[in-house]
Every structure is written in structure tokens, then in C-alpha cells.
Amino acid sequence: MSTFTSDTSFDPILQPPYKTSLFALLLAIVLLVTGCSRLFYYPDKKLIRNPSDIGVCYEDVQFPSEDGIDLHGWFLPAAGRAKGTILFFHGNAENISTHIGAVYWLPENGFNVFIFDYRGFGNSAGEARNQGVHRDARSALSYLLKRSDVDPERLILFGQSIGGAIALYTAATSGIAISAVVAESSFSSYPGILREKMSGLFLTWPFQWLAWTMTSRYDPVTVVQDIRPVPLLLIHGDKDNTVAIQHAYTLFEAARGNKQLWVVKGGGHISAFAPRRGNFRQRLLDYLEGVLSSN
């Protein structure tokens, strides 16, 4: 089953911090020495709040990654009997103390949420690089499956921006059965998005060749077809200036089986679940409950 829907309403939210042209030039020079993987992560070590500050119950969690790196996260229990559990993969900047704004509303609507920081972010040790971050993703999934309060047959992966790319790759390659995958504002290819960002600025245009040195190993577009028969939901704003909506179309075309693409008309980057966008929140709840009811 494949469906394609769009929505005309949109409320802007604050975007992740993006750099000036001068910074982008300096960053490109740094990449010549350190490798392209660093470009995709802008971690912040300082936690600015915890869930209790916004009235959300939580459990502080420490767990190891596959290679022994200590990782940190928050488990937000559902109010009442859990309908399912959502593993959330956040975007490329800041840490869980800001990205919790994307999911804090889910526990009160009946879903457990596990939000964690990749290595190098927040209270997680190590340094963020692609290989390690994908190890962290698999480890977070394995951790959840060991919890007695998590039903392994009602597990959903949800990622935003680069977190969407990580969620897609993890769902396709982990070998663990899940109930659904949701990716908002995800890109289809690491070299592709790097090339687009470098070509978008006059000062970084000469460095487009760096994209050719970036591995395609973790590209979602090469594995998204392997997510089937798990239901897949892609969400993207058609005015996203960070990750162009063409990436969503590319992923949707490559995917197989039960797939949907929701287009946020006039929407920017990771804009669907802003506080005043109650319709998309309810649509997601309805979607997840529908998916889980068919299990």
C-alpha cells in the first residue's frame, strides 16, 4: 500500500543553529584535515533542562554502545498503559535537552519515549562520527528490547533530520522487527546533501569535491527498500531550505511496500510537530495507533 498526502497549514518553529558563510569556509578547510563525517554533527555538551522542568516524568538512563562508549538518555513512560514505545533519533545539533521538544507530548498520549544522545552529545561520552553514531543507534534499540516495560512487538523508530537518516538505516539493517518507521525532514544521501550545502555558498562552492570523499555506506536511499514490510512514514516541508523536499521524493520512490509521504505545505525544516501544529500531532497518533492495531 502506498499513499501520498499533503497538508496546507504550517506554523514555523525555530530552526537548528546554522553557520555563517565565513564559518562554513573555515569548516570546509577543517574538513580537509579531519574528514567529512565531522560536518554532520554539531554537539552541545550542556543540558539546559530535564524533562521534569517541563512537567514530564522520566528515568535517567546510562547504557553502553557496542564499542563500550557510555551513552545517556531519558526514558519517558507513557501515562497509563503504553500503546507502544518510540525510540527517538534527534537532529545534528545541540542535545536531548532541546530536542525533547519534538516528543514530550507523546507520553501523555499513551506512548513510551526513549530519547538518547549520540556519542559526543550531552552527557554521552566519545566523539560523534558516522560509524560510532550508527553503533549508538543499534545499542539504543537493543537497550529498549531488554526493558520489561517495553513490548518488543510495539516498537516504533522516529527520527528528525539526520536522525531520520539514522532511523531509516537502523530499521533496514538491524535485523530487529519493529512496528513502524517515521522520518521527518530526512536526506537521502550523505554525499548528496554535503554537495548541496557546499554548492549553496560562494565561499564553499570550490569545496564541493569533498562530497566525493564522503562514504555512501550509511545512505538511507540504498537500504530504504529493505524496511518493508514494516510501515514507513516520511514527512517533509515543501519549503525546507535545509534539506530539500526532493530528498523525500527520492526516498519515497525507492521505498517499497506500505509507505506514506506527508507533505507540509509551506513547511520548513522539522516543522510538522510545532506546538501550534496540533493537526499533525493528531495525525501521527492516529497513524501509529492504526499501525499497531494491525499487528
C-alpha atoms as a PDB file:
ATOM      1  CA  MET A   1       0.000   0.000   0.000  1.00  0.00           C
ATOM      2  CA  SER A   2       1.338   3.440  -0.938  1.00  0.00           C
ATOM      3  CA  THR A   3      -0.300   6.768  -0.194  1.00  0.00           C
ATOM      4  CA  PHE A   4       0.762  10.329  -0.804  1.00  0.00           C
ATOM      5  CA  THR A   5      -0.905  13.181   1.091  1.00  0.00           C
ATOM      6  CA  SER A   6      -0.239  16.865   1.672  1.00  0.00           C
ATOM      7  CA  ASP A   7      -1.385  19.464   4.156  1.00  0.00           C
ATOM      8  CA  THR A   8      -1.783  23.201   3.647  1.00  0.00           C
ATOM      9  CA  SER A   9      -1.323  24.532   7.182  1.00  0.00           C
ATOM     10  CA  PHE A  10       2.021  25.438   8.729  1.00  0.00           C
ATOM     11  CA  ASP A  11       3.438  27.215  11.776  1.00  0.00           C
ATOM     12  CA  PRO A  12       7.176  27.988  11.761  1.00  0.00           C
ATOM     13  CA  ILE A  13       9.400  26.854  14.618  1.00  0.00           C
ATOM     14  CA  LEU A  14      12.948  27.767  15.490  1.00  0.00           C
ATOM     15  CA  GLN A  15      15.437  26.104  13.187  1.00  0.00           C
ATOM     16  CA  PRO A  16      18.664  24.427  14.376  1.00  0.00           C
ATOM     17  CA  PRO A  17      21.625  26.817  14.516  1.00  0.00           C
ATOM     18  CA  TYR A  18      23.168  27.257  11.061  1.00  0.00           C
ATOM     19  CA  LYS A  19      26.518  28.828  10.435  1.00  0.00           C
ATOM     20  CA  THR A  20      27.606  31.947   8.636  1.00  0.00           C
ATOM     21  CA  SER A  21      29.404  31.857   5.293  1.00  0.00           C
ATOM     22  CA  LEU A  22      32.724  32.611   6.975  1.00  0.00           C
ATOM     23  CA  PHE A  23      32.256  29.791   9.425  1.00  0.00           C
ATOM     24  CA  ALA A  24      31.277  27.464   6.591  1.00  0.00           C
ATOM     25  CA  LEU A  25      34.521  28.315   4.786  1.00  0.00           C
ATOM     26  CA  LEU A  26      36.587  27.641   7.900  1.00  0.00           C
ATOM     27  CA  LEU A  27      34.680  24.422   8.466  1.00  0.00           C
ATOM     28  CA  ALA A  28      35.390  23.276   4.922  1.00  0.00           C
ATOM     29  CA  ILE A  29      39.098  23.848   5.487  1.00  0.00           C
ATOM     30  CA  VAL A  30      38.959  21.868   8.726  1.00  0.00           C
ATOM     31  CA  LEU A  31      37.283  19.046   6.838  1.00  0.00           C
ATOM     32  CA  LEU A  32      40.275  18.776   4.551  1.00  0.00           C
ATOM     33  CA  VAL A  33      42.209  17.558   7.559  1.00  0.00           C
ATOM     34  CA  THR A  34      39.642  15.843   9.781  1.00  0.00           C
ATOM     35  CA  GLY A  35      37.287  14.149   7.323  1.00  0.00           C
ATOM     36  CA  CYS A  36      33.748  14.865   6.190  1.00  0.00           C
ATOM     37  CA  SER A  37      31.910  12.949   8.892  1.00  0.00           C
ATOM     38  CA  ARG A  38      32.503  15.825  11.319  1.00  0.00           C
ATOM     39  CA  LEU A  39      30.397  18.130   9.137  1.00  0.00           C
ATOM     40  CA  PHE A  40      27.174  16.340  10.057  1.00  0.00           C
ATOM     41  CA  TYR A  41      27.318  16.781  13.841  1.00  0.00           C
ATOM     42  CA  TYR A  42      27.276  19.938  15.981  1.00  0.00           C
ATOM     43  CA  PRO A  43      27.057  18.536  19.519  1.00  0.00           C
ATOM     44  CA  ASP A  44      26.455  20.600  22.622  1.00  0.00           C
ATOM     45  CA  LYS A  45      27.560  19.097  25.933  1.00  0.00           C
ATOM     46  CA  LYS A  46      25.475  21.336  28.197  1.00  0.00           C
ATOM     47  CA  LEU A  47      21.996  20.139  29.129  1.00  0.00           C
ATOM     48  CA  ILE A  48      19.761  23.173  29.526  1.00  0.00           C
ATOM     49  CA  ARG A  49      16.818  21.361  31.134  1.00  0.00           C
ATOM     50  CA  ASN A  50      15.488  17.949  32.024  1.00  0.00           C
ATOM     51  CA  PRO A  51      12.003  16.524  31.433  1.00  0.00           C
ATOM     52  CA  SER A  52      10.766  17.384  34.926  1.00  0.00           C
ATOM     53  CA  ASP A  53      11.356  21.065  34.127  1.00  0.00           C
ATOM     54  CA  ILE A  54       8.546  20.813  31.574  1.00  0.00           C
ATOM     55  CA  GLY A  55       6.330  18.574  33.687  1.00  0.00           C
ATOM     56  CA  VAL A  56       7.274  15.232  32.137  1.00  0.00           C
ATOM     57  CA  CYS A  57       8.100  12.150  34.213  1.00  0.00           C
ATOM     58  CA  TYR A  58      11.328  10.423  33.257  1.00  0.00           C
ATOM     59  CA  GLU A  59      14.005   7.906  34.133  1.00  0.00           C
ATOM     60  CA  ASP A  60      17.638   8.878  33.694  1.00  0.00           C
ATOM     61  CA  VAL A  61      19.396   6.129  31.720  1.00  0.00           C
ATOM     62  CA  GLN A  62      23.039   5.217  31.190  1.00  0.00           C
ATOM     63  CA  PHE A  63      23.832   2.412  28.755  1.00  0.00           C
ATOM     64  CA  PRO A  64      26.868   1.275  26.728  1.00  0.00           C
ATOM     65  CA  SER A  65      27.273   1.416  22.991  1.00  0.00           C
ATOM     66  CA  GLU A  66      28.534  -1.634  21.089  1.00  0.00           C
ATOM     67  CA  ASP A  67      32.129  -0.483  21.450  1.00  0.00           C
ATOM     68  CA  GLY A  68      31.858   0.387  25.149  1.00  0.00           C
ATOM     69  CA  ILE A  69      31.205   4.140  24.866  1.00  0.00           C
ATOM     70  CA  ASP A  70      28.961   5.336  27.715  1.00  0.00           C
ATOM     71  CA  LEU A  71      25.712   6.828  26.428  1.00  0.00           C
ATOM     72  CA  HIS A  72      22.987   8.816  28.161  1.00  0.00           C
ATOM     73  CA  GLY A  73      19.279   9.099  27.591  1.00  0.00           C
ATOM     74  CA  TRP A  74      15.862   9.660  29.132  1.00  0.00           C
ATOM     75  CA  PHE A  75      13.040   7.137  29.234  1.00  0.00           C
ATOM     76  CA  LEU A  76       9.679   8.905  29.309  1.00  0.00           C
ATOM     77  CA  PRO A  77       6.970   6.450  30.457  1.00  0.00           C
ATOM     78  CA  ALA A  78       3.518   6.585  28.943  1.00  0.00           C
ATOM     79  CA  ALA A  79       0.644   7.861  31.021  1.00  0.00           C
ATOM     80  CA  GLY A  80      -1.340   4.711  31.811  1.00  0.00           C
ATOM     81  CA  ARG A  81      -0.984   1.529  29.789  1.00  0.00           C
ATOM     82  CA  ALA A  82       1.522   2.039  26.979  1.00  0.00           C
ATOM     83  CA  LYS A  83       0.202   1.727  23.441  1.00  0.00           C
ATOM     84  CA  GLY A  84       3.752   1.320  22.201  1.00  0.00           C
ATOM     85  CA  THR A  85       7.318   2.587  22.607  1.00  0.00           C
ATOM     86  CA  ILE A  86       9.025   5.201  20.422  1.00  0.00           C
ATOM     87  CA  LEU A  87      12.797   5.303  20.023  1.00  0.00           C
ATOM     88  CA  PHE A  88      13.649   8.873  19.014  1.00  0.00           C
ATOM     89  CA  PHE A  89      16.726   9.879  16.975  1.00  0.00           C
ATOM     90  CA  HIS A  90      17.384  13.610  17.192  1.00  0.00           C
ATOM     91  CA  GLY A  91      18.945  16.032  14.717  1.00  0.00           C
ATOM     92  CA  ASN A  92      22.556  17.074  14.263  1.00  0.00           C
ATOM     93  CA  ALA A  93      22.859  19.956  16.751  1.00  0.00           C
ATOM     94  CA  GLU A  94      22.510  20.588  20.488  1.00  0.00           C
ATOM     95  CA  ASN A  95      21.349  17.556  22.553  1.00  0.00           C
ATOM     96  CA  ILE A  96      18.323  15.826  24.078  1.00  0.00           C
ATOM     97  CA  SER A  97      17.585  18.757  26.390  1.00  0.00           C
ATOM     98  CA  THR A  98      16.423  20.809  23.387  1.00  0.00           C
ATOM     99  CA  HIS A  99      15.247  18.021  21.088  1.00  0.00           C
ATOM    100  CA  ILE A 100      12.856  16.747  23.741  1.00  0.00           C
ATOM    101  CA  GLY A 101      10.559  19.484  22.447  1.00  0.00           C
ATOM    102  CA  ALA A 102       9.743  17.230  19.491  1.00  0.00           C
ATOM    103  CA  VAL A 103       8.424  14.316  21.566  1.00  0.00           C
ATOM    104  CA  TYR A 104       7.481  15.454  25.091  1.00  0.00           C
ATOM    105  CA  TRP A 105       3.781  15.353  24.147  1.00  0.00           C
ATOM    106  CA  LEU A 106       3.781  11.672  23.225  1.00  0.00           C
ATOM    107  CA  PRO A 107       3.805  10.100  26.754  1.00  0.00           C
ATOM    108  CA  GLU A 108       0.616  11.904  27.757  1.00  0.00           C
ATOM    109  CA  ASN A 109      -0.942  10.378  24.648  1.00  0.00           C
ATOM    110  CA  GLY A 110      -0.057   6.832  25.634  1.00  0.00           C
ATOM    111  CA  PHE A 111       3.430   6.206  24.206  1.00  0.00           C
ATOM    112  CA  ASN A 112       6.685   5.451  25.988  1.00  0.00           C
ATOM    113  CA  VAL A 113       9.530   7.515  24.512  1.00  0.00           C
ATOM    114  CA  PHE A 114      13.245   6.824  24.727  1.00  0.00           C
ATOM    115  CA  ILE A 115      15.327   9.836  23.690  1.00  0.00           C
ATOM    116  CA  PHE A 116      19.105   9.487  23.872  1.00  0.00           C
ATOM    117  CA  ASP A 117      22.235  11.380  22.914  1.00  0.00           C
ATOM    118  CA  TYR A 118      24.687  10.016  20.373  1.00  0.00           C
ATOM    119  CA  ARG A 119      28.298   9.890  21.441  1.00  0.00           C
ATOM    120  CA  GLY A 120      29.746  13.369  21.919  1.00  0.00           C
ATOM    121  CA  PHE A 121      26.351  14.941  22.637  1.00  0.00           C
ATOM    122  CA  GLY A 122      25.121  15.964  26.097  1.00  0.00           C
ATOM    123  CA  ASN A 123      26.211  13.523  28.797  1.00  0.00           C
ATOM    124  CA  SER A 124      27.252  10.819  26.319  1.00  0.00           C
ATOM    125  CA  ALA A 125      30.984  10.173  26.074  1.00  0.00           C
ATOM    126  CA  GLY A 126      33.091   9.951  22.932  1.00  0.00           C
ATOM    127  CA  GLU A 127      33.156  11.909  19.685  1.00  0.00           C
ATOM    128  CA  ALA A 128      30.381  11.936  17.096  1.00  0.00           C
ATOM    129  CA  ARG A 129      31.301  10.260  13.813  1.00  0.00           C
ATOM    130  CA  ASN A 130      29.068   8.303  11.460  1.00  0.00           C
ATOM    131  CA  GLN A 131      30.232   4.798  12.278  1.00  0.00           C
ATOM    132  CA  GLY A 132      30.027   5.370  16.020  1.00  0.00           C
ATOM    133  CA  VAL A 133      26.661   7.112  15.873  1.00  0.00           C
ATOM    134  CA  HIS A 134      25.162   4.164  13.995  1.00  0.00           C
ATOM    135  CA  ARG A 135      26.572   1.830  16.625  1.00  0.00           C
ATOM    136  CA  ASP A 136      24.834   4.004  19.223  1.00  0.00           C
ATOM    137  CA  ALA A 137      21.548   3.718  17.339  1.00  0.00           C
ATOM    138  CA  ARG A 138      21.676  -0.087  17.351  1.00  0.00           C
ATOM    139  CA  SER A 139      22.678  -0.072  21.016  1.00  0.00           C
ATOM    140  CA  ALA A 140      19.729   2.128  21.986  1.00  0.00           C
ATOM    141  CA  LEU A 141      17.412  -0.266  20.189  1.00  0.00           C
ATOM    142  CA  SER A 142      18.980  -3.264  21.938  1.00  0.00           C
ATOM    143  CA  TYR A 143      18.702  -1.499  25.306  1.00  0.00           C
ATOM    144  CA  LEU A 144      14.975  -0.933  24.842  1.00  0.00           C
ATOM    145  CA  LEU A 145      14.377  -4.565  23.990  1.00  0.00           C
ATOM    146  CA  LYS A 146      15.853  -5.579  27.361  1.00  0.00           C
ATOM    147  CA  ARG A 147      13.372  -3.493  29.354  1.00  0.00           C
ATOM    148  CA  SER A 148      10.496  -5.346  30.980  1.00  0.00           C
ATOM    149  CA  ASP A 149       8.179  -2.356  30.459  1.00  0.00           C
ATOM    150  CA  VAL A 150       8.681  -2.320  26.668  1.00  0.00           C
ATOM    151  CA  ASP A 151       6.626  -4.557  24.395  1.00  0.00           C
ATOM    152  CA  PRO A 152       9.079  -5.648  21.657  1.00  0.00           C
ATOM    153  CA  GLU A 153       6.181  -6.130  19.254  1.00  0.00           C
ATOM    154  CA  ARG A 154       5.064  -2.495  19.571  1.00  0.00           C
ATOM    155  CA  LEU A 155       8.268  -0.573  18.867  1.00  0.00           C
ATOM    156  CA  ILE A 156       8.482   2.482  16.581  1.00  0.00           C
ATOM    157  CA  LEU A 157      11.576   4.314  15.290  1.00  0.00           C
ATOM    158  CA  PHE A 158      11.157   8.077  14.841  1.00  0.00           C
ATOM    159  CA  GLY A 159      13.919  10.391  13.601  1.00  0.00           C
ATOM    160  CA  GLN A 160      14.235  14.010  12.517  1.00  0.00           C
ATOM    161  CA  SER A 161      16.733  15.436  10.000  1.00  0.00           C
ATOM    162  CA  ILE A 162      19.953  13.411  10.300  1.00  0.00           C
ATOM    163  CA  GLY A 163      18.126  11.405  12.956  1.00  0.00           C
ATOM    164  CA  GLY A 164      15.662  10.401  10.261  1.00  0.00           C
ATOM    165  CA  ALA A 165      18.509   9.110   8.119  1.00  0.00           C
ATOM    166  CA  ILE A 166      19.851   7.159  11.103  1.00  0.00           C
ATOM    167  CA  ALA A 167      16.406   5.735  11.888  1.00  0.00           C
ATOM    168  CA  LEU A 168      15.914   4.594   8.290  1.00  0.00           C
ATOM    169  CA  TYR A 169      19.299   2.903   8.134  1.00  0.00           C
ATOM    170  CA  THR A 170      18.843   1.267  11.542  1.00  0.00           C
ATOM    171  CA  ALA A 171      15.386  -0.052  10.640  1.00  0.00           C
ATOM    172  CA  ALA A 172      16.669  -1.516   7.378  1.00  0.00           C
ATOM    173  CA  THR A 173      19.846  -3.131   8.711  1.00  0.00           C
ATOM    174  CA  SER A 174      19.444  -4.001  12.399  1.00  0.00           C
ATOM    175  CA  GLY A 175      17.606  -7.279  11.803  1.00  0.00           C
ATOM    176  CA  ILE A 176      15.221  -6.414  14.640  1.00  0.00           C
ATOM    177  CA  ALA A 177      11.487  -6.497  13.973  1.00  0.00           C
ATOM    178  CA  ILE A 178       9.799  -3.145  14.546  1.00  0.00           C
ATOM    179  CA  SER A 179       6.251  -1.893  14.031  1.00  0.00           C
ATOM    180  CA  ALA A 180       6.819   1.351  12.081  1.00  0.00           C
ATOM    181  CA  VAL A 181       9.428   3.902  10.990  1.00  0.00           C
ATOM    182  CA  VAL A 182       8.802   7.661  10.910  1.00  0.00           C
ATOM    183  CA  ALA A 183      11.358  10.034   9.356  1.00  0.00           C
ATOM    184  CA  GLU A 184      10.836  13.793   9.204  1.00  0.00           C
ATOM    185  CA  SER A 185      12.992  16.097   7.046  1.00  0.00           C
ATOM    186  CA  SER A 186      15.487  13.354   6.297  1.00  0.00           C
ATOM    187  CA  PHE A 187      18.017  13.431   3.485  1.00  0.00           C
ATOM    188  CA  SER A 188      18.537  10.533   1.109  1.00  0.00           C
ATOM    189  CA  SER A 189      22.330  10.571   0.764  1.00  0.00           C
ATOM    190  CA  TYR A 190      25.258  11.849   2.842  1.00  0.00           C
ATOM    191  CA  PRO A 191      27.443  12.821  -0.147  1.00  0.00           C
ATOM    192  CA  GLY A 192      24.388  14.307  -1.845  1.00  0.00           C
ATOM    193  CA  ILE A 193      23.415  16.634   0.989  1.00  0.00           C
ATOM    194  CA  LEU A 194      27.068  17.599   1.540  1.00  0.00           C
ATOM    195  CA  ARG A 195      27.422  18.522  -2.120  1.00  0.00           C
ATOM    196  CA  GLU A 196      24.225  20.601  -1.964  1.00  0.00           C
ATOM    197  CA  LYS A 197      25.378  22.504   1.137  1.00  0.00           C
ATOM    198  CA  MET A 198      28.817  23.202  -0.309  1.00  0.00           C
ATOM    199  CA  SER A 199      27.397  24.401  -3.629  1.00  0.00           C
ATOM    200  CA  GLY A 200      24.930  26.731  -1.929  1.00  0.00           C
ATOM    201  CA  LEU A 201      27.522  29.259  -0.740  1.00  0.00           C
ATOM    202  CA  PHE A 202      30.024  31.192  -2.832  1.00  0.00           C
ATOM    203  CA  LEU A 203      32.821  30.647  -0.311  1.00  0.00           C
ATOM    204  CA  THR A 204      32.312  26.882  -0.062  1.00  0.00           C
ATOM    205  CA  TRP A 205      31.471  26.209  -3.712  1.00  0.00           C
ATOM    206  CA  PRO A 206      35.091  25.247  -4.568  1.00  0.00           C
ATOM    207  CA  PHE A 207      34.986  22.555  -1.897  1.00  0.00           C
ATOM    208  CA  GLN A 208      32.190  20.518  -3.474  1.00  0.00           C
ATOM    209  CA  TRP A 209      34.727  17.844  -4.331  1.00  0.00           C
ATOM    210  CA  LEU A 210      34.716  16.902  -0.626  1.00  0.00           C
ATOM    211  CA  ALA A 211      31.424  15.127  -1.289  1.00  0.00           C
ATOM    212  CA  TRP A 212      33.298  12.579  -3.362  1.00  0.00           C
ATOM    213  CA  THR A 213      35.379  11.650  -0.296  1.00  0.00           C
ATOM    214  CA  MET A 214      32.279  11.077   1.845  1.00  0.00           C
ATOM    215  CA  THR A 215      31.251   7.443   2.223  1.00  0.00           C
ATOM    216  CA  SER A 216      27.841   6.335   0.972  1.00  0.00           C
ATOM    217  CA  ARG A 217      27.837   3.396   3.351  1.00  0.00           C
ATOM    218  CA  TYR A 218      25.025   4.787   5.507  1.00  0.00           C
ATOM    219  CA  ASP A 219      22.909   6.366   2.760  1.00  0.00           C
ATOM    220  CA  PRO A 220      19.211   5.762   3.531  1.00  0.00           C
ATOM    221  CA  VAL A 221      18.292   5.612  -0.161  1.00  0.00           C
ATOM    222  CA  THR A 222      20.376   2.473  -0.698  1.00  0.00           C
ATOM    223  CA  VAL A 223      18.610   0.496   2.040  1.00  0.00           C
ATOM    224  CA  VAL A 224      15.141   2.041   2.410  1.00  0.00           C
ATOM    225  CA  GLN A 225      13.582  -0.678   0.244  1.00  0.00           C
ATOM    226  CA  ASP A 226      14.674  -3.222   2.863  1.00  0.00           C
ATOM    227  CA  ILE A 227      12.420  -1.674   5.505  1.00  0.00           C
ATOM    228  CA  ARG A 228       9.392  -3.427   4.003  1.00  0.00           C
ATOM    229  CA  PRO A 229       7.093  -4.949   5.135  1.00  0.00           C
ATOM    230  CA  VAL A 230       7.383  -2.504   8.056  1.00  0.00           C
ATOM    231  CA  PRO A 231       5.154   0.573   7.510  1.00  0.00           C
ATOM    232  CA  LEU A 232       7.152   3.669   6.583  1.00  0.00           C
ATOM    233  CA  LEU A 233       6.039   7.288   7.064  1.00  0.00           C
ATOM    234  CA  LEU A 234       8.043  10.147   5.547  1.00  0.00           C
ATOM    235  CA  ILE A 235       7.209  13.764   6.494  1.00  0.00           C
ATOM    236  CA  HIS A 236       8.724  16.814   4.794  1.00  0.00           C
ATOM    237  CA  GLY A 237       8.061  20.533   4.389  1.00  0.00           C
ATOM    238  CA  ASP A 238       7.950  21.722   0.791  1.00  0.00           C
ATOM    239  CA  LYS A 239       9.774  24.945   1.795  1.00  0.00           C
ATOM    240  CA  ASP A 240      12.554  23.185   3.682  1.00  0.00           C
ATOM    241  CA  ASN A 241      15.705  25.204   2.980  1.00  0.00           C
ATOM    242  CA  THR A 242      17.923  22.851   4.972  1.00  0.00           C
ATOM    243  CA  VAL A 243      17.030  19.536   3.329  1.00  0.00           C
ATOM    244  CA  ALA A 244      15.189  19.999   0.042  1.00  0.00           C
ATOM    245  CA  ILE A 245      11.945  18.082  -0.332  1.00  0.00           C
ATOM    246  CA  GLN A 246      13.413  16.279  -3.347  1.00  0.00           C
ATOM    247  CA  HIS A 247      15.158  14.032  -0.813  1.00  0.00           C
ATOM    248  CA  ALA A 248      11.765  12.900   0.476  1.00  0.00           C
ATOM    249  CA  TYR A 249      10.564  12.170  -3.053  1.00  0.00           C
ATOM    250  CA  THR A 250      13.740  10.178  -3.708  1.00  0.00           C
ATOM    251  CA  LEU A 251      13.282   8.125  -0.560  1.00  0.00           C
ATOM    252  CA  PHE A 252       9.588   7.599  -1.219  1.00  0.00           C
ATOM    253  CA  GLU A 253      10.292   6.360  -4.752  1.00  0.00           C
ATOM    254  CA  ALA A 254      12.987   3.959  -3.535  1.00  0.00           C
ATOM    255  CA  ALA A 255      10.879   2.556  -0.681  1.00  0.00           C
ATOM    256  CA  ARG A 256       8.656  -0.474  -1.169  1.00  0.00           C
ATOM    257  CA  GLY A 257       5.531  -1.820   0.453  1.00  0.00           C
ATOM    258  CA  ASN A 258       3.448   0.126   2.976  1.00  0.00           C
ATOM    259  CA  LYS A 259       4.698   3.697   2.627  1.00  0.00           C
ATOM    260  CA  GLN A 260       3.289   7.185   3.055  1.00  0.00           C
ATOM    261  CA  LEU A 261       4.637  10.685   2.407  1.00  0.00           C
ATOM    262  CA  TRP A 262       3.056  13.657   4.172  1.00  0.00           C
ATOM    263  CA  VAL A 263       3.981  16.989   2.626  1.00  0.00           C
ATOM    264  CA  VAL A 264       3.731  20.036   4.890  1.00  0.00           C
ATOM    265  CA  LYS A 265       2.644  22.825   2.536  1.00  0.00           C
ATOM    266  CA  GLY A 266       4.754  25.899   3.227  1.00  0.00           C
ATOM    267  CA  GLY A 267       6.636  23.948   5.873  1.00  0.00           C
ATOM    268  CA  GLY A 268      10.281  24.361   6.745  1.00  0.00           C
ATOM    269  CA  HIS A 269      12.773  22.024   8.384  1.00  0.00           C
ATOM    270  CA  ILE A 270      11.327  19.677  11.072  1.00  0.00           C
ATOM    271  CA  SER A 271       8.234  21.867  11.315  1.00  0.00           C
ATOM    272  CA  ALA A 272       5.345  19.397  11.398  1.00  0.00           C
ATOM    273  CA  PHE A 273       5.077  18.952  15.172  1.00  0.00           C
ATOM    274  CA  ALA A 274       5.453  22.533  16.381  1.00  0.00           C
ATOM    275  CA  PRO A 275       3.160  23.293  19.360  1.00  0.00           C
ATOM    276  CA  ARG A 276       0.550  25.049  17.264  1.00  0.00           C
ATOM    277  CA  ARG A 277       0.521  22.267  14.692  1.00  0.00           C
ATOM    278  CA  GLY A 278      -1.934  20.080  16.566  1.00  0.00           C
ATOM    279  CA  ASN A 279      -3.312  18.547  13.386  1.00  0.00           C
ATOM    280  CA  PHE A 280      -0.026  16.810  12.555  1.00  0.00           C
ATOM    281  CA  ARG A 281       0.367  15.604  16.116  1.00  0.00           C
ATOM    282  CA  GLN A 282      -3.065  14.029  15.998  1.00  0.00           C
ATOM    283  CA  ARG A 283      -2.425  12.618  12.542  1.00  0.00           C
ATOM    284  CA  LEU A 284       0.714  10.921  13.825  1.00  0.00           C
ATOM    285  CA  LEU A 285      -1.131   9.489  16.830  1.00  0.00           C
ATOM    286  CA  ASP A 286      -3.866   8.165  14.559  1.00  0.00           C
ATOM    287  CA  TYR A 287      -1.280   6.701  12.187  1.00  0.00           C
ATOM    288  CA  LEU A 288       0.640   4.926  14.939  1.00  0.00           C
ATOM    289  CA  GLU A 289      -2.477   3.553  16.580  1.00  0.00           C
ATOM    290  CA  GLY A 290      -3.642   2.283  13.191  1.00  0.00           C
ATOM    291  CA  VAL A 291      -0.318   0.580  12.534  1.00  0.00           C
ATOM    292  CA  LEU A 292      -0.232  -1.013  15.985  1.00  0.00           C
ATOM    293  CA  SER A 293      -3.836  -2.184  15.781  1.00  0.00           C
ATOM    294  CA  SER A 294      -2.954  -4.234  12.718  1.00  0.00           C
ATOM    295  CA  ASN A 295      -0.091  -6.058  14.497  1.00  0.00           C
END
